Protein backbone atom coordinates (compact mmCIF):
# COMPACT_ATOMS: atom_id res chain seq x y z
CA MET A 1 -0.13 -59.84 -61.13
CA PHE A 2 -1.15 -57.78 -64.14
CA ALA A 3 -4.40 -56.77 -62.39
CA LEU A 4 -2.51 -55.65 -59.28
CA ARG A 5 -0.17 -53.54 -61.39
CA ARG A 6 -3.10 -51.91 -63.18
CA TRP A 7 -4.76 -51.11 -59.80
CA TRP A 8 -1.54 -49.57 -58.51
CA ASP A 9 -1.16 -47.43 -61.60
CA ARG A 10 -4.68 -46.13 -61.11
CA HIS A 11 -4.69 -45.63 -57.31
CA ALA A 12 -1.04 -45.00 -56.40
CA ALA A 13 -1.61 -41.28 -55.75
CA ARG A 14 -4.64 -41.90 -53.54
CA ALA A 15 -2.84 -44.61 -51.62
CA GLY A 16 0.13 -42.31 -51.04
CA VAL A 17 -2.05 -39.48 -49.76
CA ALA A 18 -3.98 -41.85 -47.49
CA SER A 19 -0.75 -43.28 -46.10
CA LEU A 20 0.59 -39.78 -45.45
CA VAL A 21 -2.58 -38.79 -43.63
CA ILE A 22 -2.41 -41.92 -41.47
CA VAL A 23 1.24 -41.30 -40.61
CA LEU A 24 0.58 -37.63 -39.74
CA ALA A 25 -2.40 -38.56 -37.60
CA TRP A 26 -0.35 -41.15 -35.73
CA ALA A 27 2.53 -38.71 -35.23
CA MET A 28 0.19 -36.00 -33.94
CA ARG A 29 -1.42 -38.44 -31.51
CA GLN A 30 1.92 -39.65 -30.21
CA SER A 31 3.38 -36.17 -29.79
CA GLN A 32 0.12 -34.49 -28.72
CA GLY A 33 0.43 -31.98 -31.51
CA ALA A 34 4.06 -31.07 -30.93
CA PHE A 35 5.15 -32.68 -34.19
CA ILE A 36 2.77 -30.53 -36.26
CA TYR A 37 3.75 -27.43 -34.23
CA GLU A 38 7.43 -28.03 -34.91
CA ILE A 39 6.76 -28.41 -38.63
CA TYR A 40 4.76 -25.17 -38.55
CA GLN A 41 7.57 -23.38 -36.75
CA VAL A 42 10.15 -24.57 -39.29
CA LEU A 43 7.98 -23.56 -42.25
CA THR A 44 7.04 -20.14 -40.85
CA SER A 45 10.33 -19.19 -39.17
CA PRO A 46 11.54 -17.20 -42.22
CA LEU A 47 8.38 -15.10 -41.92
CA HIS A 48 8.97 -14.32 -38.20
CA PRO A 49 12.60 -13.28 -37.69
CA GLY A 50 13.72 -12.61 -34.11
CA LEU A 51 14.12 -14.55 -30.87
CA THR A 52 13.47 -18.24 -30.63
CA GLN A 53 10.97 -19.66 -28.18
CA ALA A 54 13.77 -20.74 -25.84
CA GLU A 55 15.28 -17.25 -25.93
CA ARG A 56 11.93 -15.65 -25.20
CA LEU A 57 11.39 -17.93 -22.21
CA GLU A 58 14.87 -17.20 -20.91
CA ASN A 59 14.27 -13.45 -21.22
CA ALA A 60 10.97 -13.82 -19.34
CA TYR A 61 12.72 -15.62 -16.47
CA VAL A 62 15.44 -12.95 -16.35
CA LEU A 63 12.82 -10.19 -16.29
CA GLU A 64 10.98 -11.90 -13.44
CA LEU A 65 14.19 -12.17 -11.41
CA GLN A 66 15.00 -8.52 -12.06
CA GLN A 67 11.56 -7.47 -10.84
CA ARG A 68 11.95 -9.59 -7.71
CA VAL A 69 15.33 -7.99 -6.98
CA ILE A 70 13.88 -4.49 -7.45
CA GLU A 71 11.00 -5.25 -5.06
CA LEU A 72 13.38 -6.69 -2.44
CA GLU A 73 15.62 -3.63 -2.75
CA ASN A 74 12.64 -1.32 -2.26
CA GLN A 75 11.45 -3.26 0.79
CA ASN A 76 14.98 -3.25 2.21
CA ARG A 77 15.35 0.50 1.69
CA SER A 78 11.98 1.17 3.33
CA LEU A 79 12.90 -0.99 6.32
CA ARG A 80 16.30 0.69 6.68
CA GLU A 81 14.66 4.13 6.65
CA ASN A 82 12.28 3.09 9.43
CA ILE A 83 15.09 1.53 11.47
CA ASP A 84 17.20 4.69 11.11
CA TYR A 85 14.20 6.80 12.12
CA ALA A 86 13.46 4.54 15.09
CA ALA A 87 17.09 4.72 16.25
CA ASN A 88 16.66 8.48 16.77
CA GLN A 89 13.34 8.17 18.63
CA GLY A 90 14.36 6.28 21.76
CA GLN A 91 12.25 3.38 23.03
CA VAL A 92 10.18 2.57 19.94
CA THR A 93 9.18 -0.50 17.94
CA VAL A 94 9.26 -0.91 14.16
CA ALA A 95 6.35 -2.97 12.81
CA ALA A 96 5.21 -4.19 9.40
CA VAL A 97 1.71 -3.55 8.10
CA ILE A 98 0.19 -7.00 7.57
CA GLY A 99 -3.51 -6.27 7.21
CA ARG A 100 -5.75 -3.66 5.63
CA GLY A 101 -9.33 -4.12 4.44
CA ALA A 102 -10.53 -2.68 1.16
CA ASP A 103 -13.76 -1.56 2.84
CA ASN A 104 -11.94 0.28 5.65
CA TRP A 105 -8.73 1.29 3.87
CA TRP A 106 -8.64 4.72 5.50
CA GLN A 107 -9.90 3.57 8.91
CA GLN A 108 -7.44 1.07 10.33
CA ILE A 109 -4.44 -1.19 9.72
CA THR A 110 -3.06 -4.32 11.39
CA VAL A 111 0.64 -4.56 12.30
CA ASN A 112 2.76 -7.54 13.28
CA LYS A 113 3.68 -6.42 16.79
CA GLY A 114 1.63 -6.93 19.95
CA THR A 115 1.74 -7.22 23.71
CA ASN A 116 4.65 -9.68 23.49
CA ASP A 117 6.66 -6.79 22.04
CA GLY A 118 5.52 -4.30 24.68
CA ILE A 119 2.75 -2.71 22.60
CA THR A 120 -0.19 -1.35 24.58
CA GLU A 121 -3.45 0.39 23.76
CA GLY A 122 -2.96 4.09 23.18
CA ASP A 123 0.58 3.88 21.77
CA MET A 124 1.28 6.46 19.08
CA VAL A 125 2.03 5.23 15.55
CA THR A 126 4.07 7.23 13.05
CA GLY A 127 5.33 6.55 9.55
CA PRO A 128 7.80 8.18 7.20
CA GLY A 129 6.97 11.88 7.42
CA GLY A 130 4.66 12.08 10.39
CA LEU A 131 1.67 10.88 12.37
CA VAL A 132 -0.27 7.77 11.29
CA GLY A 133 -2.59 7.02 14.21
CA ARG A 134 -2.69 5.14 17.50
CA VAL A 135 -3.06 1.59 18.74
CA THR A 136 -6.66 0.83 19.73
CA SER A 137 -6.22 -2.86 20.63
CA ALA A 138 -3.36 -5.34 20.90
CA SER A 139 -3.14 -9.13 21.03
CA ALA A 140 -0.03 -11.18 21.72
CA ASN A 141 1.48 -10.74 18.26
CA THR A 142 -0.61 -8.16 16.39
CA SER A 143 -2.14 -4.74 16.96
CA GLN A 144 -4.97 -2.71 15.44
CA VAL A 145 -4.13 0.88 14.55
CA LEU A 146 -6.81 3.55 14.17
CA LEU A 147 -5.68 5.89 11.38
CA ILE A 148 -6.01 9.65 11.72
CA THR A 149 -8.08 9.57 8.51
CA ASP A 150 -10.85 7.62 10.24
CA PRO A 151 -13.93 9.89 10.66
CA VAL A 152 -14.07 9.07 14.40
CA SER A 153 -10.47 10.19 14.92
CA GLN A 154 -9.75 13.76 16.00
CA MET A 155 -6.90 15.58 17.71
CA GLY A 156 -5.76 19.02 18.76
CA VAL A 157 -3.31 20.65 16.33
CA LYS A 158 -1.71 24.02 15.62
CA VAL A 159 -0.19 25.91 12.72
CA SER A 160 3.56 25.82 13.28
CA ARG A 161 4.16 29.31 11.82
CA SER A 162 1.37 31.37 13.42
CA ARG A 163 0.49 29.04 16.33
CA ALA A 164 -3.20 29.15 15.31
CA LEU A 165 -5.04 26.35 17.08
CA GLY A 166 -7.68 23.93 15.88
CA VAL A 167 -8.77 20.33 15.70
CA VAL A 168 -8.20 17.82 12.92
CA ARG A 169 -10.85 15.24 12.02
CA GLY A 170 -10.64 12.32 9.65
CA ASN A 171 -12.68 12.21 6.47
CA VAL A 172 -14.21 9.35 4.48
CA ASP A 173 -12.13 10.18 1.38
CA GLY A 174 -8.80 9.54 3.09
CA ARG A 175 -8.08 13.18 3.86
CA VAL A 176 -8.23 15.18 7.08
CA VAL A 177 -9.86 18.54 7.75
CA MET A 178 -8.72 21.11 10.30
CA GLN A 179 -11.34 23.25 11.99
CA PHE A 180 -9.91 26.45 13.50
CA PHE A 181 -10.88 27.89 16.87
CA GLU A 182 -10.49 31.47 15.64
CA THR A 183 -12.87 33.11 13.17
CA THR A 184 -9.98 34.79 11.29
CA PRO A 185 -6.93 32.51 11.70
CA ASP A 186 -3.52 33.52 10.38
CA VAL A 187 -3.00 30.67 7.93
CA LYS A 188 -1.98 30.14 4.32
CA PRO A 189 -1.45 27.19 1.95
CA GLY A 190 1.76 25.34 2.74
CA ASP A 191 1.69 26.06 6.47
CA VAL A 192 2.93 23.11 8.54
CA ILE A 193 0.45 21.47 10.92
CA VAL A 194 1.64 19.69 14.08
CA THR A 195 -0.04 18.30 17.17
CA SER A 196 -0.67 20.86 19.91
CA SER A 197 -0.38 20.78 23.68
CA TYR A 198 -4.17 20.42 23.79
CA SER A 199 -3.88 16.96 22.27
CA ARG A 200 -4.47 14.43 25.04
CA LEU A 201 -3.65 11.34 22.95
CA PHE A 202 -0.47 12.53 21.24
CA PRO A 203 2.58 14.51 22.38
CA GLN A 204 2.83 18.03 21.00
CA GLY A 205 4.95 18.87 17.98
CA VAL A 206 4.37 15.67 15.98
CA PRO A 207 4.17 16.50 12.24
CA VAL A 208 0.72 15.96 10.73
CA GLY A 209 0.87 17.63 7.32
CA ARG A 210 0.56 20.89 5.39
CA ILE A 211 -2.41 23.08 4.52
CA GLU A 212 -3.54 22.25 1.01
CA SER A 213 -6.59 24.53 0.72
CA MET A 214 -8.75 26.69 2.95
CA ASP A 215 -12.32 27.84 3.35
CA LEU A 216 -12.18 30.77 5.77
CA LYS A 217 -15.87 31.54 5.26
CA LYS A 218 -16.96 28.09 6.35
CA SER A 219 -19.67 28.07 9.05
CA PRO A 220 -19.61 27.61 12.01
CA ALA A 221 -15.77 27.82 11.86
CA PRO A 222 -13.09 28.24 9.18
CA GLU A 223 -11.66 24.99 7.82
CA ALA A 224 -8.63 23.79 5.89
CA VAL A 225 -7.89 20.56 4.02
CA ILE A 226 -4.61 19.04 5.21
CA GLN A 227 -2.22 17.11 3.00
CA LEU A 228 -0.74 14.48 5.32
CA SER A 229 3.02 14.16 5.73
CA SER A 230 2.96 10.38 5.98
CA PRO A 231 1.88 8.40 2.89
CA LEU A 232 -1.05 6.53 4.44
CA SER A 233 -2.23 5.17 1.09
CA PHE A 234 0.72 2.78 0.77
CA LEU A 235 2.14 2.21 4.24
CA GLU A 236 4.37 -0.87 4.63
CA TRP A 237 6.26 -0.11 7.86
CA VAL A 238 5.38 2.00 10.90
CA THR A 239 7.03 3.03 14.16
CA ILE A 240 5.16 2.55 17.45
CA HIS A 241 5.90 4.91 20.35
CA PRO A 242 4.94 4.13 23.98
CA PHE A 243 1.93 6.07 25.21
CA GLU A 244 2.69 8.83 27.72
CA ALA A 245 -0.39 10.06 29.57
CA LYS A 246 -0.68 13.79 30.21
CA THR A 247 -1.57 14.84 33.72
CA ASP A 248 -1.23 18.63 33.79
CA VAL A 249 -2.55 19.78 30.44
CA ASN A 250 -5.17 22.50 30.35
CA ALA A 251 -7.57 20.57 28.16
CA PRO A 252 -9.90 22.50 25.85
CA PRO A 253 -13.68 22.13 26.05
CA ALA A 254 -15.08 18.64 25.49
CA GLU A 255 -16.34 19.41 22.01
CA ILE A 256 -12.78 19.99 20.74
CA ALA A 257 -10.97 17.26 22.66
CA ASP A 258 -9.25 14.33 21.03
CA ASP A 259 -11.17 11.31 19.75
CA SER A 260 -14.65 11.59 21.18
CA SER A 261 -14.91 7.80 21.34
CA THR A 262 -12.12 7.63 23.93
CA THR A 263 -12.40 8.45 27.59
CA PRO A 264 -9.81 11.10 28.62
């Protein structure tokens, strides 16, 4: 008994530390570290005043819900604008953009309407502000739309103010360029560009855009860069108009006709 008491007097501190380590190790194993984390939070909370973890999580959830509501409101507003526009255009179809490849962003889009909805090849497609392109193929429930920014796309246009005529071609950088028929056209930055009666694929008078810059010394013909009216870079909804073939249009020479890849 005396020997045990002497051992305890000598090793009590070590035994206490060892026991504490064992208890802490067991607690950490059972709680998978949560026990130690809670102790750390209690000890360091005076050094980090502010919101608790629960409050921060709650705020994160609220922020997420707010962002979802904002996105739904924006989508709803965009859809309402297209429906209101379509209501004033007669027999048209509103469609959502459901596909767009990163490697052909400025060439084509896929929409969620097809032959089941009365969509046919050649139908004109517009967006908020003006012309977007035309339907090149349609399946039962989807359609492919060739954008006017595609390099193979071209159409007859005119300057609304001076009636100067020309042809617009797509460009690889997502812009379109107008080539004038006249050597000294009456044009200036800001002039409105619309489709002309020479366009065989689109009705005349459809807004295309405004002149952004010009190069009147360009050879073989003066050119202008056109800022498009419709925001093609972030289209979400479009309006599809039935194709109306022209039968009595005095078409221009073949080299300035619409879309050279399409048979008149």
